[in-house]
Amino acid sequence: LEPGMTTAELDQLGRALLEREGARSAPELSYGFPGATCISVGP
């Protein structure tokens, strides 16, 4: 995480790490969430 990156870029990293281990995103699999991970920028 660093200034200048987008939350989509951070999510892409998460997706790649999960897929490398044979894991599937649970919110995507269970609820059709539009992302591999949930990333919330305050507030």
Full PDB file with SEQRES, HELIX, SHEET, SSBOND, CRYST1, ORIGX, SCALE, CONECT and MASTER records, all heavy atoms in Angstrom:
SEQRES   1 A   43  LEU GLU PRO GLY MET THR THR ALA GLU LEU ASP GLN LEU          
SEQRES   2 A   43  GLY ARG ALA LEU LEU GLU ARG GLU GLY ALA ARG SER ALA          
SEQRES   3 A   43  PRO GLU LEU SER TYR GLY PHE PRO GLY ALA THR CYS ILE          
SEQRES   4 A   43  SER VAL GLY PRO                                              
HELIX    1 AA1 THR A    7  ARG A   20  1                                  14    
HELIX    2 AA2 ALA A   26  TYR A   31  1                                   6    
CRYST1    1.000    1.000    1.000  90.00  90.00  90.00 P 1           1          
ORIGX1      1.000000  0.000000  0.000000        0.00000                         
ORIGX2      0.000000  1.000000  0.000000        0.00000                         
ORIGX3      0.000000  0.000000  1.000000        0.00000                         
SCALE1      1.000000  0.000000  0.000000        0.00000                         
SCALE2      0.000000  1.000000  0.000000        0.00000                         
SCALE3      0.000000  0.000000  1.000000        0.00000                         
ATOM      1  N   LEU A   1       0.836  -1.202   0.000  1.00  0.00           N  
ATOM      2  CA  LEU A   1       0.000   0.000   0.000  1.00  0.00           C  
ATOM      3  C   LEU A   1       0.873   1.255   0.000  1.00  0.00           C  
ATOM      4  O   LEU A   1       1.725   1.438   0.867  1.00  0.00           O  
ATOM      5  CB  LEU A   1      -0.877  -0.039   1.245  1.00  0.00           C  
ATOM      6  CG  LEU A   1      -2.043   0.934   1.374  1.00  0.00           C  
ATOM      7  CD1 LEU A   1      -3.009   0.770   0.212  1.00  0.00           C  
ATOM      8  CD2 LEU A   1      -2.743   0.694   2.703  1.00  0.00           C  
ATOM      9  N   GLU A   2       0.651   2.143  -0.977  1.00  0.00           N  
ATOM     10  CA  GLU A   2       1.420   3.382  -1.038  1.00  0.00           C  
ATOM     11  C   GLU A   2       0.649   4.435  -1.825  1.00  0.00           C  
ATOM     12  O   GLU A   2      -0.187   4.104  -2.673  1.00  0.00           O  
ATOM     13  CB  GLU A   2       2.791   3.149  -1.669  1.00  0.00           C  
ATOM     14  CG  GLU A   2       2.755   2.692  -3.113  1.00  0.00           C  
ATOM     15  CD  GLU A   2       4.139   2.482  -3.683  1.00  0.00           C  
ATOM     16  OE1 GLU A   2       5.110   2.558  -2.913  1.00  0.00           O  
ATOM     17  OE2 GLU A   2       4.256   2.258  -4.891  1.00  0.00           O  
ATOM     18  N   PRO A   3       0.912   5.704  -1.536  1.00  0.00           N  
ATOM     19  CA  PRO A   3       0.236   6.777  -2.262  1.00  0.00           C  
ATOM     20  C   PRO A   3       0.487   6.669  -3.764  1.00  0.00           C  
ATOM     21  O   PRO A   3       1.582   6.322  -4.214  1.00  0.00           O  
ATOM     22  CB  PRO A   3       0.864   8.047  -1.678  1.00  0.00           C  
ATOM     23  CG  PRO A   3       1.340   7.649  -0.323  1.00  0.00           C  
ATOM     24  CD  PRO A   3       1.796   6.228  -0.476  1.00  0.00           C  
ATOM     25  N   GLY A   4      -0.555   6.972  -4.533  1.00  0.00           N  
ATOM     26  CA  GLY A   4      -0.438   6.972  -5.985  1.00  0.00           C  
ATOM     27  C   GLY A   4      -1.011   5.741  -6.652  1.00  0.00           C  
ATOM     28  O   GLY A   4      -1.356   5.785  -7.836  1.00  0.00           O  
ATOM     29  N   MET A   5      -1.103   4.628  -5.922  1.00  0.00           N  
ATOM     30  CA  MET A   5      -1.682   3.433  -6.513  1.00  0.00           C  
ATOM     31  C   MET A   5      -3.200   3.505  -6.382  1.00  0.00           C  
ATOM     32  O   MET A   5      -3.731   4.221  -5.536  1.00  0.00           O  
ATOM     33  CB  MET A   5      -1.144   2.165  -5.841  1.00  0.00           C  
ATOM     34  CG  MET A   5      -1.668   1.907  -4.441  1.00  0.00           C  
ATOM     35  SD  MET A   5      -0.860   0.499  -3.604  1.00  0.00           S  
ATOM     36  CE  MET A   5      -0.896  -0.781  -4.844  1.00  0.00           C  
ATOM     37  N   THR A   6      -3.893   2.777  -7.238  1.00  0.00           N  
ATOM     38  CA  THR A   6      -5.344   2.712  -7.131  1.00  0.00           C  
ATOM     39  C   THR A   6      -5.743   1.477  -6.328  1.00  0.00           C  
ATOM     40  O   THR A   6      -4.973   0.524  -6.200  1.00  0.00           O  
ATOM     41  CB  THR A   6      -6.008   2.643  -8.508  1.00  0.00           C  
ATOM     42  OG1 THR A   6      -5.666   1.399  -9.149  1.00  0.00           O  
ATOM     43  CG2 THR A   6      -5.571   3.815  -9.388  1.00  0.00           C  
ATOM     44  N   THR A   7      -6.964   1.504  -5.818  1.00  0.00           N  
ATOM     45  CA  THR A   7      -7.434   0.331  -5.084  1.00  0.00           C  
ATOM     46  C   THR A   7      -7.612  -0.855  -6.026  1.00  0.00           C  
ATOM     47  O   THR A   7      -7.499  -2.008  -5.599  1.00  0.00           O  
ATOM     48  CB  THR A   7      -8.744   0.640  -4.345  1.00  0.00           C  
ATOM     49  OG1 THR A   7      -9.728   1.119  -5.262  1.00  0.00           O  
ATOM     50  CG2 THR A   7      -8.510   1.682  -3.259  1.00  0.00           C  
ATOM     51  N   ALA A   8      -7.861  -0.607  -7.304  1.00  0.00           N  
ATOM     52  CA  ALA A   8      -7.932  -1.705  -8.269  1.00  0.00           C  
ATOM     53  C   ALA A   8      -6.574  -2.389  -8.422  1.00  0.00           C  
ATOM     54  O   ALA A   8      -6.493  -3.626  -8.515  1.00  0.00           O  
ATOM     55  CB  ALA A   8      -8.418  -1.199  -9.624  1.00  0.00           C  
ATOM     56  N   GLU A   9      -5.511  -1.604  -8.442  1.00  0.00           N  
ATOM     57  CA  GLU A   9      -4.163  -2.183  -8.548  1.00  0.00           C  
ATOM     58  C   GLU A   9      -3.847  -3.016  -7.311  1.00  0.00           C  
ATOM     59  O   GLU A   9      -3.248  -4.096  -7.414  1.00  0.00           O  
ATOM     60  CB  GLU A   9      -3.136  -1.067  -8.725  1.00  0.00           C  
ATOM     61  CG  GLU A   9      -3.214  -0.388 -10.075  1.00  0.00           C  
ATOM     62  CD  GLU A   9      -2.348   0.862 -10.157  1.00  0.00           C  
ATOM     63  OE1 GLU A   9      -2.070   1.478  -9.102  1.00  0.00           O  
ATOM     64  OE2 GLU A   9      -1.948   1.230 -11.277  1.00  0.00           O  
ATOM     65  N   LEU A  10      -4.264  -2.533  -6.143  1.00  0.00           N  
ATOM     66  CA  LEU A  10      -4.040  -3.288  -4.915  1.00  0.00           C  
ATOM     67  C   LEU A  10      -4.845  -4.592  -4.942  1.00  0.00           C  
ATOM     68  O   LEU A  10      -4.348  -5.644  -4.536  1.00  0.00           O  
ATOM     69  CB  LEU A  10      -4.443  -2.434  -3.715  1.00  0.00           C  
ATOM     70  CG  LEU A  10      -4.137  -3.001  -2.330  1.00  0.00           C  
ATOM     71  CD1 LEU A  10      -2.641  -3.203  -2.128  1.00  0.00           C  
ATOM     72  CD2 LEU A  10      -4.701  -2.080  -1.246  1.00  0.00           C  
ATOM     73  N   ASP A  11      -6.061  -4.525  -5.440  1.00  0.00           N  
ATOM     74  CA  ASP A  11      -6.898  -5.718  -5.546  1.00  0.00           C  
ATOM     75  C   ASP A  11      -6.305  -6.726  -6.527  1.00  0.00           C  
ATOM     76  O   ASP A  11      -6.363  -7.949  -6.296  1.00  0.00           O  
ATOM     77  CB  ASP A  11      -8.299  -5.319  -5.987  1.00  0.00           C  
ATOM     78  CG  ASP A  11      -9.258  -6.493  -6.031  1.00  0.00           C  
ATOM     79  OD1 ASP A  11      -9.506  -7.104  -4.978  1.00  0.00           O  
ATOM     80  OD2 ASP A  11      -9.760  -6.811  -7.130  1.00  0.00           O  
ATOM     81  N   GLN A  12      -5.729  -6.243  -7.610  1.00  0.00           N  
ATOM     82  CA  GLN A  12      -5.100  -7.137  -8.588  1.00  0.00           C  
ATOM     83  C   GLN A  12      -3.954  -7.916  -7.952  1.00  0.00           C  
ATOM     84  O   GLN A  12      -3.753  -9.101  -8.248  1.00  0.00           O  
ATOM     85  CB  GLN A  12      -4.607  -6.337  -9.791  1.00  0.00           C  
ATOM     86  CG  GLN A  12      -5.733  -5.814 -10.678  1.00  0.00           C  
ATOM     87  CD  GLN A  12      -5.272  -4.743 -11.650  1.00  0.00           C  
ATOM     88  OE1 GLN A  12      -4.067  -4.450 -11.761  1.00  0.00           O  
ATOM     89  NE2 GLN A  12      -6.209  -4.126 -12.354  1.00  0.00           N  
ATOM     90  N   LEU A  13      -3.206  -7.264  -7.072  1.00  0.00           N  
ATOM     91  CA  LEU A  13      -2.152  -7.960  -6.338  1.00  0.00           C  
ATOM     92  C   LEU A  13      -2.764  -9.055  -5.478  1.00  0.00           C  
ATOM     93  O   LEU A  13      -2.275 -10.197  -5.462  1.00  0.00           O  
ATOM     94  CB  LEU A  13      -1.382  -6.967  -5.464  1.00  0.00           C  
ATOM     95  CG  LEU A  13      -0.412  -7.581  -4.452  1.00  0.00           C  
ATOM     96  CD1 LEU A  13       0.702  -8.347  -5.171  1.00  0.00           C  
ATOM     97  CD2 LEU A  13       0.167  -6.516  -3.532  1.00  0.00           C  
ATOM     98  N   GLY A  14      -3.827  -8.721  -4.756  1.00  0.00           N  
ATOM     99  CA  GLY A  14      -4.480  -9.716  -3.927  1.00  0.00           C  
ATOM    100  C   GLY A  14      -4.987 -10.889  -4.733  1.00  0.00           C  
ATOM    101  O   GLY A  14      -4.812 -12.061  -4.342  1.00  0.00           O  
ATOM    102  N   ARG A  15      -5.608 -10.616  -5.859  1.00  0.00           N  
ATOM    103  CA  ARG A  15      -6.113 -11.697  -6.714  1.00  0.00           C  
ATOM    104  C   ARG A  15      -4.984 -12.611  -7.181  1.00  0.00           C  
ATOM    105  O   ARG A  15      -5.109 -13.845  -7.145  1.00  0.00           O  
ATOM    106  CB  ARG A  15      -6.845 -11.112  -7.923  1.00  0.00           C  
ATOM    107  CG  ARG A  15      -7.424 -12.189  -8.842  1.00  0.00           C  
ATOM    108  CD  ARG A  15      -8.073 -11.579 -10.068  1.00  0.00           C  
ATOM    109  NE  ARG A  15      -9.191 -10.712  -9.744  1.00  0.00           N  
ATOM    110  CZ  ARG A  15     -10.410 -11.159  -9.464  1.00  0.00           C  
ATOM    111  NH1 ARG A  15     -10.658 -12.467  -9.439  1.00  0.00           N  
ATOM    112  NH2 ARG A  15     -11.377 -10.307  -9.209  1.00  0.00           N  
ATOM    113  N   ALA A  16      -3.884 -12.006  -7.621  1.00  0.00           N  
ATOM    114  CA  ALA A  16      -2.760 -12.807  -8.108  1.00  0.00           C  
ATOM    115  C   ALA A  16      -2.200 -13.712  -7.014  1.00  0.00           C  
ATOM    116  O   ALA A  16      -1.873 -14.885  -7.268  1.00  0.00           O  
ATOM    117  CB  ALA A  16      -1.665 -11.883  -8.650  1.00  0.00           C  
ATOM    118  N   LEU A  17      -2.106 -13.196  -5.794  1.00  0.00           N  
ATOM    119  CA  LEU A  17      -1.575 -13.993  -4.687  1.00  0.00           C  
ATOM    120  C   LEU A  17      -2.520 -15.135  -4.331  1.00  0.00           C  
ATOM    121  O   LEU A  17      -2.076 -16.258  -4.046  1.00  0.00           O  
ATOM    122  CB  LEU A  17      -1.346 -13.097  -3.473  1.00  0.00           C  
ATOM    123  CG  LEU A  17      -0.230 -12.055  -3.628  1.00  0.00           C  
ATOM    124  CD1 LEU A  17      -0.249 -11.079  -2.460  1.00  0.00           C  
ATOM    125  CD2 LEU A  17       1.126 -12.736  -3.735  1.00  0.00           C  
ATOM    126  N   LEU A  18      -3.822 -14.871  -4.338  1.00  0.00           N  
ATOM    127  CA  LEU A  18      -4.792 -15.933  -4.051  1.00  0.00           C  
ATOM    128  C   LEU A  18      -4.751 -17.006  -5.130  1.00  0.00           C  
ATOM    129  O   LEU A  18      -4.707 -18.217  -4.831  1.00  0.00           O  
ATOM    130  CB  LEU A  18      -6.203 -15.346  -3.945  1.00  0.00           C  
ATOM    131  CG  LEU A  18      -6.487 -14.427  -2.754  1.00  0.00           C  
ATOM    132  CD1 LEU A  18      -7.881 -13.824  -2.871  1.00  0.00           C  
ATOM    133  CD2 LEU A  18      -6.343 -15.174  -1.432  1.00  0.00           C  
ATOM    134  N   GLU A  19      -4.766 -16.586  -6.386  1.00  0.00           N  
ATOM    135  CA  GLU A  19      -4.795 -17.550  -7.481  1.00  0.00           C  
ATOM    136  C   GLU A  19      -3.522 -18.383  -7.535  1.00  0.00           C  
ATOM    137  O   GLU A  19      -3.567 -19.573  -7.892  1.00  0.00           O  
ATOM    138  CB  GLU A  19      -5.025 -16.826  -8.804  1.00  0.00           C  
ATOM    139  CG  GLU A  19      -6.433 -16.244  -8.919  1.00  0.00           C  
ATOM    140  CD  GLU A  19      -6.669 -15.503 -10.221  1.00  0.00           C  
ATOM    141  OE1 GLU A  19      -5.687 -15.260 -10.961  1.00  0.00           O  
ATOM    142  OE2 GLU A  19      -7.850 -15.160 -10.498  1.00  0.00           O  
ATOM    143  N   ARG A  20      -2.416 -17.789  -7.163  1.00  0.00           N  
ATOM    144  CA  ARG A  20      -1.151 -18.531  -7.135  1.00  0.00           C  
ATOM    145  C   ARG A  20      -1.221 -19.711  -6.186  1.00  0.00           C  
ATOM    146  O   ARG A  20      -0.575 -20.747  -6.403  1.00  0.00           O  
ATOM    147  CB  ARG A  20      -0.019 -17.588  -6.709  1.00  0.00           C  
ATOM    148  CG  ARG A  20       1.370 -18.228  -6.791  1.00  0.00           C  
ATOM    149  CD  ARG A  20       2.433 -17.258  -6.329  1.00  0.00           C  
ATOM    150  NE  ARG A  20       2.349 -17.016  -4.881  1.00  0.00           N  
ATOM    151  CZ  ARG A  20       3.093 -16.120  -4.233  1.00  0.00           C  
ATOM    152  NH1 ARG A  20       3.943 -15.356  -4.918  1.00  0.00           N  
ATOM    153  NH2 ARG A  20       2.971 -15.971  -2.931  1.00  0.00           N  
ATOM    154  N   GLU A  21      -2.025 -19.596  -5.125  1.00  0.00           N  
ATOM    155  CA  GLU A  21      -2.161 -20.662  -4.130  1.00  0.00           C  
ATOM    156  C   GLU A  21      -3.382 -21.537  -4.366  1.00  0.00           C  
ATOM    157  O   GLU A  21      -3.724 -22.373  -3.526  1.00  0.00           O  
ATOM    158  CB  GLU A  21      -2.241 -20.043  -2.729  1.00  0.00           C  
ATOM    159  CG  GLU A  21      -1.031 -19.221  -2.343  1.00  0.00           C  
ATOM    160  CD  GLU A  21       0.248 -20.033  -2.278  1.00  0.00           C  
ATOM    161  OE1 GLU A  21       0.153 -21.251  -1.996  1.00  0.00           O  
ATOM    162  OE2 GLU A  21       1.331 -19.464  -2.506  1.00  0.00           O  
ATOM    163  N   GLY A  22      -4.046 -21.339  -5.504  1.00  0.00           N  
ATOM    164  CA  GLY A  22      -5.220 -22.145  -5.800  1.00  0.00           C  
ATOM    165  C   GLY A  22      -6.457 -21.748  -5.036  1.00  0.00           C  
ATOM    166  O   GLY A  22      -7.403 -22.538  -4.898  1.00  0.00           O  
ATOM    167  N   ALA A  23      -6.493 -20.510  -4.539  1.00  0.00           N  
ATOM    168  CA  ALA A  23      -7.624 -20.021  -3.760  1.00  0.00           C  
ATOM    169  C   ALA A  23      -8.551 -19.191  -4.642  1.00  0.00           C  
ATOM    170  O   ALA A  23      -8.118 -18.536  -5.594  1.00  0.00           O  
ATOM    171  CB  ALA A  23      -7.135 -19.177  -2.586  1.00  0.00           C  
ATOM    172  N   ARG A  24      -9.840 -19.214  -4.287  1.00  0.00           N  
ATOM    173  CA  ARG A  24     -10.831 -18.396  -4.975  1.00  0.00           C  
ATOM    174  C   ARG A  24     -11.370 -17.335  -4.016  1.00  0.00           C  
ATOM    175  O   ARG A  24     -11.608 -17.622  -2.835  1.00  0.00           O  
ATOM    176  CB  ARG A  24     -11.982 -19.267  -5.481  1.00  0.00           C  
ATOM    177  CG  ARG A  24     -11.570 -20.282  -6.530  1.00  0.00           C  
ATOM    178  CD  ARG A  24     -12.791 -20.972  -7.139  1.00  0.00           C  
ATOM    179  NE  ARG A  24     -13.475 -21.835  -6.173  1.00  0.00           N  
ATOM    180  CZ  ARG A  24     -14.619 -22.474  -6.428  1.00  0.00           C  
ATOM    181  NH1 ARG A  24     -15.208 -22.323  -7.608  1.00  0.00           N  
ATOM    182  NH2 ARG A  24     -15.161 -23.248  -5.512  1.00  0.00           N  
ATOM    183  N   SER A  25     -11.559 -16.138  -4.530  1.00  0.00           N  
ATOM    184  CA  SER A  25     -12.097 -15.052  -3.724  1.00  0.00           C  
ATOM    185  C   SER A  25     -13.467 -15.439  -3.182  1.00  0.00           C  
ATOM    186  O   SER A  25     -14.383 -15.752  -3.948  1.00  0.00           O  
ATOM    187  CB  SER A  25     -12.210 -13.782  -4.569  1.00  0.00           C  
ATOM    188  OG  SER A  25     -13.104 -12.856  -3.978  1.00  0.00           O  
ATOM    189  N   ALA A  26     -13.622 -15.389  -1.859  1.00  0.00           N  
ATOM    190  CA  ALA A  26     -14.892 -15.791  -1.252  1.00  0.00           C  
ATOM    191  C   ALA A  26     -16.036 -14.819  -1.536  1.00  0.00           C  
ATOM    192  O   ALA A  26     -17.148 -15.263  -1.841  1.00  0.00           O  
ATOM    193  CB  ALA A  26     -14.712 -15.983   0.248  1.00  0.00           C  
ATOM    194  N   PRO A  27     -15.840 -13.500  -1.432  1.00  0.00           N  
ATOM    195  CA  PRO A  27     -16.970 -12.612  -1.736  1.00  0.00           C  
ATOM    196  C   PRO A  27     -17.408 -12.685  -3.196  1.00  0.00           C  
ATOM    197  O   PRO A  27     -18.582 -12.572  -3.507  1.00  0.00           O  
ATOM    198  CB  PRO A  27     -16.444 -11.221  -1.371  1.00  0.00           C  
ATOM    199  CG  PRO A  27     -14.966 -11.353  -1.313  1.00  0.00           C  
ATOM    200  CD  PRO A  27     -14.673 -12.761  -0.923  1.00  0.00           C  
ATOM    201  N   GLU A  28     -16.452 -12.894  -4.080  1.00  0.00           N  
ATOM    202  CA  GLU A  28     -16.766 -13.047  -5.492  1.00  0.00           C  
ATOM    203  C   GLU A  28     -17.529 -14.351  -5.720  1.00  0.00           C  
ATOM    204  O   GLU A  28     -18.558 -14.390  -6.404  1.00  0.00           O  
ATOM    205  CB  GLU A  28     -15.452 -13.056  -6.286  1.00  0.00           C  
ATOM    206  CG  GLU A  28     -15.545 -12.582  -7.710  1.00  0.00           C  
ATOM    207  CD  GLU A  28     -14.169 -12.401  -8.322  1.00  0.00           C  
ATOM    208  OE1 GLU A  28     -13.341 -13.338  -8.232  1.00  0.00           O  
ATOM    209  OE2 GLU A  28     -13.916 -11.334  -8.891  1.00  0.00           O  
ATOM    210  N   LEU A  29     -17.042 -15.425  -5.113  1.00  0.00           N  
ATOM    211  CA  LEU A  29     -17.642 -16.749  -5.266  1.00  0.00           C  
ATOM    212  C   LEU A  29     -19.025 -16.823  -4.623  1.00  0.00           C  
ATOM    213  O   LEU A  29     -19.962 -17.382  -5.205  1.00  0.00           O  
ATOM    214  CB  LEU A  29     -16.719 -17.793  -4.629  1.00  0.00           C  
ATOM    215  CG  LEU A  29     -17.189 -19.240  -4.584  1.00  0.00           C  
ATOM    216  CD1 LEU A  29     -17.281 -19.815  -5.997  1.00  0.00           C  
ATOM    217  CD2 LEU A  29     -16.226 -20.085  -3.742  1.00  0.00           C  
ATOM    218  N   SER A  30     -19.154 -16.258  -3.436  1.00  0.00           N  
ATOM    219  CA  SER A  30     -20.383 -16.417  -2.656  1.00  0.00           C  
ATOM    220  C   SER A  30     -21.466 -15.404  -2.993  1.00  0.00           C  
ATOM    221  O   SER A  30     -22.657 -15.718  -2.941  1.00  0.00           O  
ATOM    222  CB  SER A  30     -20.065 -16.320  -1.158  1.00  0.00           C  
ATOM    223  OG  SER A  30     -19.119 -17.300  -0.768  1.00  0.00           O  
ATOM    224  N   TYR A  31     -21.065 -14.165  -3.315  1.00  0.00           N  
ATOM    225  CA  TYR A  31     -22.043 -13.099  -3.456  1.00  0.00           C  
ATOM    226  C   TYR A  31     -21.932 -12.300  -4.757  1.00  0.00           C  
ATOM    227  O   TYR A  31     -22.654 -11.329  -4.934  1.00  0.00           O  
ATOM    228  CB  TYR A  31     -21.918 -12.126  -2.274  1.00  0.00           C  
ATOM    229  CG  TYR A  31     -22.124 -12.796  -0.942  1.00  0.00           C  
ATOM    230  CD1 TYR A  31     -21.069 -12.932  -0.036  1.00  0.00           C  
ATOM    231  CD2 TYR A  31     -23.370 -13.313  -0.584  1.00  0.00           C  
ATOM    232  CE1 TYR A  31     -21.253 -13.564   1.186  1.00  0.00           C  
ATOM    233  CE2 TYR A  31     -23.556 -13.945   0.632  1.00  0.00           C  
ATOM    234  CZ  TYR A  31     -22.505 -14.069   1.509  1.00  0.00           C  
ATOM    235  OH  TYR A  31     -22.694 -14.696   2.721  1.00  0.00           O  
ATOM    236  N   GLY A  32     -21.012 -12.705  -5.638  1.00  0.00           N  
ATOM    237  CA  GLY A  32     -20.834 -11.949  -6.863  1.00  0.00           C  
ATOM    238  C   GLY A  32     -20.252 -10.567  -6.642  1.00  0.00           C  
ATOM    239  O   GLY A  32     -20.490  -9.639  -7.424  1.00  0.00           O  
ATOM    240  N   PHE A  33     -19.460 -10.408  -5.576  1.00  0.00           N  
ATOM    241  CA  PHE A  33     -18.835  -9.119  -5.282  1.00  0.00           C  
ATOM    242  C   PHE A  33     -17.911  -8.713  -6.433  1.00  0.00           C  
ATOM    243  O   PHE A  33     -17.161  -9.547  -6.960  1.00  0.00           O  
ATOM    244  CB  PHE A  33     -18.039  -9.221  -3.981  1.00  0.00           C  
ATOM    245  CG  PHE A  33     -17.364  -7.944  -3.578  1.00  0.00           C  
ATOM    246  CD1 PHE A  33     -18.084  -6.895  -3.035  1.00  0.00           C  
ATOM    247  CD2 PHE A  33     -15.992  -7.782  -3.741  1.00  0.00           C  
ATOM    248  CE1 PHE A  33     -17.469  -5.715  -2.664  1.00  0.00           C  
ATOM    249  CE2 PHE A  33     -15.358  -6.604  -3.380  1.00  0.00           C  
ATOM    250  CZ  PHE A  33     -16.101  -5.561  -2.839  1.00  0.00           C  
ATOM    251  N   PRO A  34     -17.915  -7.443  -6.836  1.00  0.00           N  
ATOM    252  CA  PRO A  34     -17.107  -6.992  -7.974  1.00  0.00           C  
ATOM    253  C   PRO A  34     -15.655  -6.697  -7.612  1.00  0.00           C  
ATOM    254  O   PRO A  34     -15.160  -5.578  -7.752  1.00  0.00           O  
ATOM    255  CB  PRO A  34     -17.839  -5.734  -8.428  1.00  0.00           C  
ATOM    256  CG  PRO A  34     -18.489  -5.201  -7.194  1.00  0.00           C  
ATOM    257  CD  PRO A  34     -18.863  -6.406  -6.382  1.00  0.00           C  
ATOM    258  N   GLY A  35     -14.954  -7.698  -7.142  1.00  0.00           N  
ATOM    259  CA  GLY A  35     -13.547  -7.569  -6.785  1.00  0.00           C  
ATOM    260  C   GLY A  35     -13.100  -8.825  -6.080  1.00  0.00           C  
ATOM    261  O   GLY A  35     -13.929  -9.605  -5.576  1.00  0.00           O  
ATOM    262  N   ALA A  36     -11.797  -9.038  -6.030  1.00  0.00           N  
ATOM    263  CA  ALA A  36     -11.270 -10.210  -5.326  1.00  0.00           C  
ATOM    264  C   ALA A  36     -11.232  -9.974  -3.824  1.00  0.00           C  
ATOM    265  O   ALA A  36     -11.381 -10.904  -3.031  1.00  0.00           O  
ATOM    266  CB  ALA A  36      -9.873 -10.555  -5.841  1.00  0.00           C  
ATOM    267  N   THR A  37     -11.017  -8.739  -3.422  1.00  0.00           N  
ATOM    268  CA  THR A  37     -10.950  -8.360  -2.009  1.00  0.00           C  
ATOM    269  C   THR A  37     -11.797  -7.116  -1.794  1.00  0.00           C  
ATOM    270  O   THR A  37     -12.127  -6.402  -2.746  1.00  0.00           O  
ATOM    271  CB  THR A  37      -9.498  -8.066  -1.574  1.00  0.00           C  
ATOM    272  OG1 THR A  37      -9.014  -6.915  -2.289  1.00  0.00           O  
ATOM    273  CG2 THR A  37      -8.587  -9.256  -1.858  1.00  0.00           C  
ATOM    274  N   CYS A  38     -12.147  -6.854  -0.548  1.00  0.00           N  
ATOM    275  CA  CYS A  38     -12.861  -5.621  -0.205  1.00  0.00           C  
ATOM    276  C   CYS A  38     -11.837  -4.587   0.263  1.00  0.00           C  
ATOM    277  O   CYS A  38     -11.065  -4.857   1.184  1.00  0.00           O  
ATOM    278  CB  CYS A  38     -13.875  -5.880   0.899  1.00  0.00           C  
ATOM    279  SG  CYS A  38     -15.156  -7.100   0.488  1.00  0.00           S  
ATOM    280  N   ILE A  39     -11.839  -3.424  -0.359  1.00  0.00           N  
ATOM    281  CA  ILE A  39     -10.894  -2.364  -0.005  1.00  0.00           C  
ATOM    282  C   ILE A  39     -11.690  -1.085   0.220  1.00  0.00           C  
ATOM    283  O   ILE A  39     -12.299  -0.545  -0.703  1.00  0.00           O  
ATOM    284  CB  ILE A  39      -9.834  -2.155  -1.101  1.00  0.00           C  
ATOM    285  CG1 ILE A  39      -9.097  -3.464  -1.388  1.00  0.00           C  
ATOM    286  CG2 ILE A  39      -8.856  -1.059  -0.687  1.00  0.00           C  
ATOM    287  CD1 ILE A  39      -8.133  -3.385  -2.560  1.00  0.00           C  
ATOM    288  N   SER A  40     -11.695  -0.603   1.456  1.00  0.00           N  
ATOM    289  CA  SER A  40     -12.508   0.549   1.838  1.00  0.00           C  
ATOM    290  C   SER A  40     -11.602   1.695   2.256  1.00  0.00           C  
ATOM    291  O   SER A  40     -10.823   1.561   3.194  1.00  0.00           O  
ATOM    292  CB  SER A  40     -13.445   0.176   2.993  1.00  0.00           C  
ATOM    293  OG  SER A  40     -14.201  -0.985   2.670  1.00  0.00           O  
ATOM    294  N   VAL A  41     -11.714   2.817   1.569  1.00  0.00           N  
ATOM    295  CA  VAL A  41     -10.908   3.997   1.870  1.00  0.00           C  
ATOM    296  C   VAL A  41     -11.747   4.939   2.718  1.00  0.00           C  
ATOM    297  O   VAL A  41     -12.840   5.352   2.322  1.00  0.00           O  
ATOM    298  CB  VAL A  41     -10.445   4.695   0.582  1.00  0.00           C  
ATOM    299  CG1 VAL A  41      -9.607   5.931   0.923  1.00  0.00           C  
ATOM    300  CG2 VAL A  41      -9.661   3.731  -0.302  1.00  0.00           C  
ATOM    301  N   GLY A  42     -11.246   5.276   3.921  1.00  0.00           N  
ATOM    302  CA  GLY A  42     -11.992   6.086   4.852  1.00  0.00           C  
ATOM    303  C   GLY A  42     -12.539   7.366   4.237  1.00  0.00           C  
ATOM    304  O   GLY A  42     -11.866   7.969   3.391  1.00  0.00           O  
ATOM    305  N   PRO A  43     -13.770   7.728   4.632  1.00  0.00           N  
ATOM    306  CA  PRO A  43     -14.522   7.229   5.783  1.00  0.00           C  
ATOM    307  C   PRO A  43     -15.253   5.908   5.575  1.00  0.00           C  
ATOM    308  O   PRO A  43     -15.888   5.423   6.504  1.00  0.00           O  
ATOM    309  CB  PRO A  43     -15.518   8.356   6.064  1.00  0.00           C  
ATOM    310  CG  PRO A  43     -15.789   8.953   4.715  1.00  0.00           C  
ATOM    311  CD  PRO A  43     -14.461   8.898   4.010  1.00  0.00           C  
TER     312      PRO A  43                                                      
MASTER        0    0    0    2    0    0    0    6  311    1    0    4          
END                                                                             
